[in-house]
Amino acid sequence: MSFKLVCALSECYTDSMEERNAIEEKLAVSLKALAVKHPFEKITIKQITDGAGVIRVTFYNHFQDKYDLLEWIMRTEILMPVQILLANSMYREAVVLIFKNMQKDKDFYMHIVNMEGQNSFSEMAERGIEEILRHAIGGTELSGKGQKVWISPEFVSKYYAKAMTFVVVEWIRTGMRISPEEMAEGYEYIATRSLEEMVGEMRTQ
């Protein structure tokens, strides 16, 4: 295969990926606009595709349903950007970025935060956070004296994903009034103390 042909194929692939990303972004923008005006459960695929200027078949070439699109939005815009920070042990910076990126779409998240049922906002957020934490932890196991074999990387990622999801959900439900930096500081404060320390500190105030 000639060098020119290889380059041509590479360019075609790049263009295809760029086009795919552009379509997914248009669908995401359309869903966000609809979600601030209508209950999420009542939004139809046709409304999403009409807003994005594409046909239904195009939607299903990218996503299974509107919940899959919502999860893509959360994963792409909120969670993926923090992976590099977690990989470099910049945990507070990662938490701040999560809050900041959600704050950019404040109206959107305040409208979808109360989604309940099998595809609830809380479940999607927890699943996404757990995934990036599990990736950041890698295959590390506890070692040393007093090791608890049941505290696996999976257990740790689930534990912190649940805690982080609770904090995020409560922050959104209360109107995102607290700054991302202050939220990250508060989360770190709680996460680095034992229950005994927290109770002791609160009783002495």
C-alpha atoms as a PDB file:
ATOM      1  CA  MET A   1       0.000   0.000   0.000  1.00  0.00           C
ATOM      2  CA  SER A   2       1.451   3.360  -1.032  1.00  0.00           C
ATOM      3  CA  PHE A   3       2.199   6.173   1.420  1.00  0.00           C
ATOM      4  CA  LYS A   4      -0.329   8.442  -0.357  1.00  0.00           C
ATOM      5  CA  LEU A   5      -3.065   5.830  -0.040  1.00  0.00           C
ATOM      6  CA  VAL A   6      -2.326   5.319   3.656  1.00  0.00           C
ATOM      7  CA  CYS A   7      -2.551   9.084   4.223  1.00  0.00           C
ATOM      8  CA  ALA A   8      -5.797   9.291   2.282  1.00  0.00           C
ATOM      9  CA  LEU A   9      -7.344   6.523   4.354  1.00  0.00           C
ATOM     10  CA  SER A  10      -6.141   8.184   7.550  1.00  0.00           C
ATOM     11  CA  GLU A  11      -7.701  11.495   6.520  1.00  0.00           C
ATOM     12  CA  CYS A  12     -10.995   9.776   5.727  1.00  0.00           C
ATOM     13  CA  TYR A  13     -10.986   8.138   9.140  1.00  0.00           C
ATOM     14  CA  THR A  14     -10.200  11.444  10.863  1.00  0.00           C
ATOM     15  CA  ASP A  15     -12.956  13.236   8.987  1.00  0.00           C
ATOM     16  CA  SER A  16     -15.372  10.463   9.883  1.00  0.00           C
ATOM     17  CA  MET A  17     -14.496  10.718  13.580  1.00  0.00           C
ATOM     18  CA  GLU A  18     -14.769  14.509  13.483  1.00  0.00           C
ATOM     19  CA  GLU A  19     -18.173  14.243  11.833  1.00  0.00           C
ATOM     20  CA  ARG A  20     -19.285  11.685  14.396  1.00  0.00           C
ATOM     21  CA  ASN A  21     -18.201  13.920  17.265  1.00  0.00           C
ATOM     22  CA  ALA A  22     -19.953  16.909  15.700  1.00  0.00           C
ATOM     23  CA  ILE A  23     -23.235  14.999  15.422  1.00  0.00           C
ATOM     24  CA  GLU A  24     -23.017  13.781  19.015  1.00  0.00           C
ATOM     25  CA  GLU A  25     -22.367  17.329  20.213  1.00  0.00           C
ATOM     26  CA  LYS A  26     -25.384  18.618  18.249  1.00  0.00           C
ATOM     27  CA  LEU A  27     -27.593  15.947  19.808  1.00  0.00           C
ATOM     28  CA  ALA A  28     -26.234  16.853  23.251  1.00  0.00           C
ATOM     29  CA  VAL A  29     -26.959  20.566  22.745  1.00  0.00           C
ATOM     30  CA  SER A  30     -30.477  19.734  21.581  1.00  0.00           C
ATOM     31  CA  LEU A  31     -31.181  17.517  24.600  1.00  0.00           C
ATOM     32  CA  LYS A  32     -29.873  20.156  27.013  1.00  0.00           C
ATOM     33  CA  ALA A  33     -32.114  22.820  25.507  1.00  0.00           C
ATOM     34  CA  LEU A  34     -35.154  20.537  25.734  1.00  0.00           C
ATOM     35  CA  ALA A  35     -34.384  19.400  29.298  1.00  0.00           C
ATOM     36  CA  VAL A  36     -34.669  22.908  30.724  1.00  0.00           C
ATOM     37  CA  LYS A  37     -38.140  23.305  29.192  1.00  0.00           C
ATOM     38  CA  HIS A  38     -39.711  19.845  29.523  1.00  0.00           C
ATOM     39  CA  PRO A  39     -39.646  16.953  32.010  1.00  0.00           C
ATOM     40  CA  PHE A  40     -36.901  14.614  30.829  1.00  0.00           C
ATOM     41  CA  GLU A  41     -39.262  11.634  30.746  1.00  0.00           C
ATOM     42  CA  LYS A  42     -41.489  13.406  28.205  1.00  0.00           C
ATOM     43  CA  ILE A  43     -38.731  14.376  25.772  1.00  0.00           C
ATOM     44  CA  THR A  44     -38.939  12.375  22.535  1.00  0.00           C
ATOM     45  CA  ILE A  45     -36.194  11.277  20.160  1.00  0.00           C
ATOM     46  CA  LYS A  46     -37.916  13.251  17.393  1.00  0.00           C
ATOM     47  CA  GLN A  47     -37.662  16.437  19.444  1.00  0.00           C
ATOM     48  CA  ILE A  48     -33.959  15.795  19.996  1.00  0.00           C
ATOM     49  CA  THR A  49     -33.249  15.063  16.323  1.00  0.00           C
ATOM     50  CA  ASP A  50     -35.323  18.015  15.126  1.00  0.00           C
ATOM     51  CA  GLY A  51     -33.324  20.305  17.403  1.00  0.00           C
ATOM     52  CA  ALA A  52     -30.050  18.847  16.140  1.00  0.00           C
ATOM     53  CA  GLY A  53     -31.074  18.943  12.481  1.00  0.00           C
ATOM     54  CA  VAL A  54     -30.626  15.204  11.903  1.00  0.00           C
ATOM     55  CA  ILE A  55     -32.953  12.262  11.291  1.00  0.00           C
ATOM     56  CA  ARG A  56     -33.945   9.530  13.774  1.00  0.00           C
ATOM     57  CA  VAL A  57     -31.753   6.922  12.085  1.00  0.00           C
ATOM     58  CA  THR A  58     -28.732   9.127  12.722  1.00  0.00           C
ATOM     59  CA  PHE A  59     -29.575   9.295  16.414  1.00  0.00           C
ATOM     60  CA  TYR A  60     -29.712   5.509  16.710  1.00  0.00           C
ATOM     61  CA  ASN A  61     -26.383   5.210  14.909  1.00  0.00           C
ATOM     62  CA  HIS A  62     -24.882   6.981  17.913  1.00  0.00           C
ATOM     63  CA  PHE A  63     -27.039   6.244  20.958  1.00  0.00           C
ATOM     64  CA  GLN A  64     -29.454   3.584  22.140  1.00  0.00           C
ATOM     65  CA  ASP A  65     -31.891   6.074  23.666  1.00  0.00           C
ATOM     66  CA  LYS A  66     -32.058   9.500  25.337  1.00  0.00           C
ATOM     67  CA  TYR A  67     -30.677   8.067  28.578  1.00  0.00           C
ATOM     68  CA  ASP A  68     -27.628   6.803  26.724  1.00  0.00           C
ATOM     69  CA  LEU A  69     -27.167  10.310  25.310  1.00  0.00           C
ATOM     70  CA  LEU A  70     -27.492  11.835  28.780  1.00  0.00           C
ATOM     71  CA  GLU A  71     -24.883   9.457  30.139  1.00  0.00           C
ATOM     72  CA  TRP A  72     -22.609  10.386  27.226  1.00  0.00           C
ATOM     73  CA  ILE A  73     -22.977  14.077  28.139  1.00  0.00           C
ATOM     74  CA  MET A  74     -22.062  13.454  31.764  1.00  0.00           C
ATOM     75  CA  ARG A  75     -19.173  11.172  30.896  1.00  0.00           C
ATOM     76  CA  THR A  76     -17.736  13.400  28.139  1.00  0.00           C
ATOM     77  CA  GLU A  77     -18.223  16.841  29.668  1.00  0.00           C
ATOM     78  CA  ILE A  78     -17.904  16.147  33.398  1.00  0.00           C
ATOM     79  CA  LEU A  79     -15.904  12.990  34.050  1.00  0.00           C
ATOM     80  CA  MET A  80     -13.408  12.514  31.223  1.00  0.00           C
ATOM     81  CA  PRO A  81     -11.768  15.944  31.748  1.00  0.00           C
ATOM     82  CA  VAL A  82     -10.721  14.966  35.302  1.00  0.00           C
ATOM     83  CA  GLN A  83      -8.944  11.752  34.363  1.00  0.00           C
ATOM     84  CA  ILE A  84      -5.601  13.449  33.744  1.00  0.00           C
ATOM     85  CA  LEU A  85      -5.839  15.166  37.143  1.00  0.00           C
ATOM     86  CA  LEU A  86      -6.595  11.905  38.950  1.00  0.00           C
ATOM     87  CA  ALA A  87      -3.729  10.213  37.135  1.00  0.00           C
ATOM     88  CA  ASN A  88      -1.420  12.870  38.593  1.00  0.00           C
ATOM     89  CA  SER A  89      -2.871  12.624  42.123  1.00  0.00           C
ATOM     90  CA  MET A  90      -4.489  16.070  41.824  1.00  0.00           C
ATOM     91  CA  TYR A  91      -7.608  14.999  43.691  1.00  0.00           C
ATOM     92  CA  ARG A  92      -8.884  18.343  44.959  1.00  0.00           C
ATOM     93  CA  GLU A  93      -8.352  19.902  41.524  1.00  0.00           C
ATOM     94  CA  ALA A  94     -10.344  17.045  39.999  1.00  0.00           C
ATOM     95  CA  VAL A  95     -13.248  17.612  42.387  1.00  0.00           C
ATOM     96  CA  VAL A  96     -13.195  21.373  41.706  1.00  0.00           C
ATOM     97  CA  LEU A  97     -13.309  20.721  37.962  1.00  0.00           C
ATOM     98  CA  ILE A  98     -16.315  18.406  38.326  1.00  0.00           C
ATOM     99  CA  PHE A  99     -18.237  21.135  40.154  1.00  0.00           C
ATOM    100  CA  LYS A 100     -17.111  23.857  37.729  1.00  0.00           C
ATOM    101  CA  ASN A 101     -18.131  21.913  34.639  1.00  0.00           C
ATOM    102  CA  MET A 102     -21.550  21.200  36.112  1.00  0.00           C
ATOM    103  CA  GLN A 103     -21.957  24.839  37.076  1.00  0.00           C
ATOM    104  CA  LYS A 104     -21.482  25.819  33.423  1.00  0.00           C
ATOM    105  CA  ASP A 105     -24.767  24.017  32.656  1.00  0.00           C
ATOM    106  CA  LYS A 106     -26.497  24.944  35.899  1.00  0.00           C
ATOM    107  CA  ASP A 107     -30.047  25.079  34.509  1.00  0.00           C
ATOM    108  CA  PHE A 108     -29.632  21.733  32.777  1.00  0.00           C
ATOM    109  CA  TYR A 109     -28.377  19.874  35.855  1.00  0.00           C
ATOM    110  CA  MET A 110     -30.920  21.481  38.151  1.00  0.00           C
ATOM    111  CA  HIS A 111     -33.671  20.159  35.872  1.00  0.00           C
ATOM    112  CA  ILE A 112     -32.370  16.589  35.577  1.00  0.00           C
ATOM    113  CA  VAL A 113     -31.041  16.043  39.104  1.00  0.00           C
ATOM    114  CA  ASN A 114     -34.399  14.729  40.357  1.00  0.00           C
ATOM    115  CA  MET A 115     -34.745  12.062  37.671  1.00  0.00           C
ATOM    116  CA  GLU A 116     -35.756   8.851  39.417  1.00  0.00           C
ATOM    117  CA  GLY A 117     -36.169   5.203  38.489  1.00  0.00           C
ATOM    118  CA  GLN A 118     -33.844   2.813  36.712  1.00  0.00           C
ATOM    119  CA  ASN A 119     -32.146   5.618  34.781  1.00  0.00           C
ATOM    120  CA  SER A 120     -31.928   8.142  37.610  1.00  0.00           C
ATOM    121  CA  PHE A 121     -29.413  10.969  37.565  1.00  0.00           C
ATOM    122  CA  SER A 122     -27.868   9.659  40.789  1.00  0.00           C
ATOM    123  CA  GLU A 123     -27.277   6.205  39.327  1.00  0.00           C
ATOM    124  CA  MET A 124     -25.693   7.604  36.181  1.00  0.00           C
ATOM    125  CA  ALA A 125     -23.441   9.937  38.160  1.00  0.00           C
ATOM    126  CA  GLU A 126     -22.411   7.197  40.575  1.00  0.00           C
ATOM    127  CA  ARG A 127     -21.673   4.778  37.762  1.00  0.00           C
ATOM    128  CA  GLY A 128     -19.531   7.318  35.934  1.00  0.00           C
ATOM    129  CA  ILE A 129     -17.585   8.420  39.019  1.00  0.00           C
ATOM    130  CA  GLU A 130     -16.995   4.807  40.014  1.00  0.00           C
ATOM    131  CA  GLU A 131     -15.615   4.085  36.555  1.00  0.00           C
ATOM    132  CA  ILE A 132     -13.045   6.890  36.578  1.00  0.00           C
ATOM    133  CA  LEU A 133     -12.022   6.120  40.171  1.00  0.00           C
ATOM    134  CA  ARG A 134     -11.568   2.445  39.349  1.00  0.00           C
ATOM    135  CA  HIS A 135      -9.403   3.428  36.398  1.00  0.00           C
ATOM    136  CA  ALA A 136      -7.353   5.800  38.581  1.00  0.00           C
ATOM    137  CA  ILE A 137      -6.839   3.188  41.308  1.00  0.00           C
ATOM    138  CA  GLY A 138      -5.791   0.535  38.824  1.00  0.00           C
ATOM    139  CA  GLY A 139      -4.862  -2.865  40.224  1.00  0.00           C
ATOM    140  CA  THR A 140      -3.531  -1.559  43.520  1.00  0.00           C
ATOM    141  CA  GLU A 141      -4.314  -3.735  46.533  1.00  0.00           C
ATOM    142  CA  LEU A 142      -3.982  -2.860  50.193  1.00  0.00           C
ATOM    143  CA  SER A 143      -0.737  -4.017  51.723  1.00  0.00           C
ATOM    144  CA  GLY A 144       0.976  -4.005  55.070  1.00  0.00           C
ATOM    145  CA  LYS A 145      -0.041  -4.798  58.621  1.00  0.00           C
ATOM    146  CA  GLY A 146      -3.752  -5.069  59.235  1.00  0.00           C
ATOM    147  CA  GLN A 147      -4.646  -5.487  55.573  1.00  0.00           C
ATOM    148  CA  LYS A 148      -8.356  -6.094  54.981  1.00  0.00           C
ATOM    149  CA  VAL A 149      -8.638  -8.362  51.954  1.00  0.00           C
ATOM    150  CA  TRP A 150     -12.254  -7.386  51.350  1.00  0.00           C
ATOM    151  CA  ILE A 151     -11.296  -3.737  50.809  1.00  0.00           C
ATOM    152  CA  SER A 152     -10.570  -4.203  47.117  1.00  0.00           C
ATOM    153  CA  PRO A 153     -10.080  -1.481  44.470  1.00  0.00           C
ATOM    154  CA  GLU A 154     -13.668  -2.144  43.384  1.00  0.00           C
ATOM    155  CA  PHE A 155     -14.923  -1.662  46.948  1.00  0.00           C
ATOM    156  CA  VAL A 156     -12.998   1.588  47.389  1.00  0.00           C
ATOM    157  CA  SER A 157     -14.169   3.039  44.061  1.00  0.00           C
ATOM    158  CA  LYS A 158     -17.804   2.176  44.869  1.00  0.00           C
ATOM    159  CA  TYR A 159     -17.535   3.670  48.351  1.00  0.00           C
ATOM    160  CA  TYR A 160     -16.132   7.001  47.218  1.00  0.00           C
ATOM    161  CA  ALA A 161     -18.403   7.129  44.169  1.00  0.00           C
ATOM    162  CA  LYS A 162     -21.460   6.905  46.427  1.00  0.00           C
ATOM    163  CA  ALA A 163     -20.128   9.606  48.754  1.00  0.00           C
ATOM    164  CA  MET A 164     -19.169  11.934  45.907  1.00  0.00           C
ATOM    165  CA  THR A 165     -22.519  11.415  44.170  1.00  0.00           C
ATOM    166  CA  PHE A 166     -24.372  12.337  47.359  1.00  0.00           C
ATOM    167  CA  VAL A 167     -22.374  15.551  47.699  1.00  0.00           C
ATOM    168  CA  VAL A 168     -22.912  16.499  44.036  1.00  0.00           C
ATOM    169  CA  VAL A 169     -26.653  15.789  44.129  1.00  0.00           C
ATOM    170  CA  GLU A 170     -27.194  17.793  47.327  1.00  0.00           C
ATOM    171  CA  TRP A 171     -25.159  20.683  45.904  1.00  0.00           C
ATOM    172  CA  ILE A 172     -27.274  20.795  42.745  1.00  0.00           C
ATOM    173  CA  ARG A 173     -30.562  20.469  44.662  1.00  0.00           C
ATOM    174  CA  THR A 174     -29.663  23.429  46.861  1.00  0.00           C
ATOM    175  CA  GLY A 175     -29.074  25.658  43.826  1.00  0.00           C
ATOM    176  CA  MET A 176     -25.291  25.361  43.471  1.00  0.00           C
ATOM    177  CA  ARG A 177     -24.930  28.369  45.765  1.00  0.00           C
ATOM    178  CA  ILE A 178     -21.604  27.230  47.227  1.00  0.00           C
ATOM    179  CA  SER A 179     -18.554  27.782  45.015  1.00  0.00           C
ATOM    180  CA  PRO A 180     -16.797  24.771  43.433  1.00  0.00           C
ATOM    181  CA  GLU A 181     -13.650  25.543  45.433  1.00  0.00           C
ATOM    182  CA  GLU A 182     -15.514  25.629  48.739  1.00  0.00           C
ATOM    183  CA  MET A 183     -17.389  22.425  47.879  1.00  0.00           C
ATOM    184  CA  ALA A 184     -14.123  20.648  47.073  1.00  0.00           C
ATOM    185  CA  GLU A 185     -12.582  21.870  50.330  1.00  0.00           C
ATOM    186  CA  GLY A 186     -15.607  20.689  52.328  1.00  0.00           C
ATOM    187  CA  TYR A 187     -15.656  17.307  50.622  1.00  0.00           C
ATOM    188  CA  GLU A 188     -11.947  16.815  51.291  1.00  0.00           C
ATOM    189  CA  TYR A 189     -12.446  17.838  54.927  1.00  0.00           C
ATOM    190  CA  ILE A 190     -15.117  15.185  55.491  1.00  0.00           C
ATOM    191  CA  ALA A 191     -13.419  12.496  53.390  1.00  0.00           C
ATOM    192  CA  THR A 192     -10.124  12.718  55.310  1.00  0.00           C
ATOM    193  CA  ARG A 193     -11.646  12.378  58.798  1.00  0.00           C
ATOM    194  CA  SER A 194     -12.998   9.402  60.673  1.00  0.00           C
ATOM    195  CA  LEU A 195     -16.561   9.388  61.967  1.00  0.00           C
ATOM    196  CA  GLU A 196     -15.168   9.695  65.487  1.00  0.00           C
ATOM    197  CA  GLU A 197     -13.182  12.805  64.552  1.00  0.00           C
ATOM    198  CA  MET A 198     -16.159  14.421  62.817  1.00  0.00           C
ATOM    199  CA  VAL A 199     -18.530  13.787  65.730  1.00  0.00           C
ATOM    200  CA  GLY A 200     -15.921  15.045  68.209  1.00  0.00           C
ATOM    201  CA  GLU A 201     -15.288  18.232  66.239  1.00  0.00           C
ATOM    202  CA  MET A 202     -18.981  18.989  65.798  1.00  0.00           C
ATOM    203  CA  ARG A 203     -19.764  18.421  69.477  1.00  0.00           C
ATOM    204  CA  THR A 204     -17.092  20.864  70.594  1.00  0.00           C
ATOM    205  CA  GLN A 205     -18.335  23.698  68.363  1.00  0.00           C
END
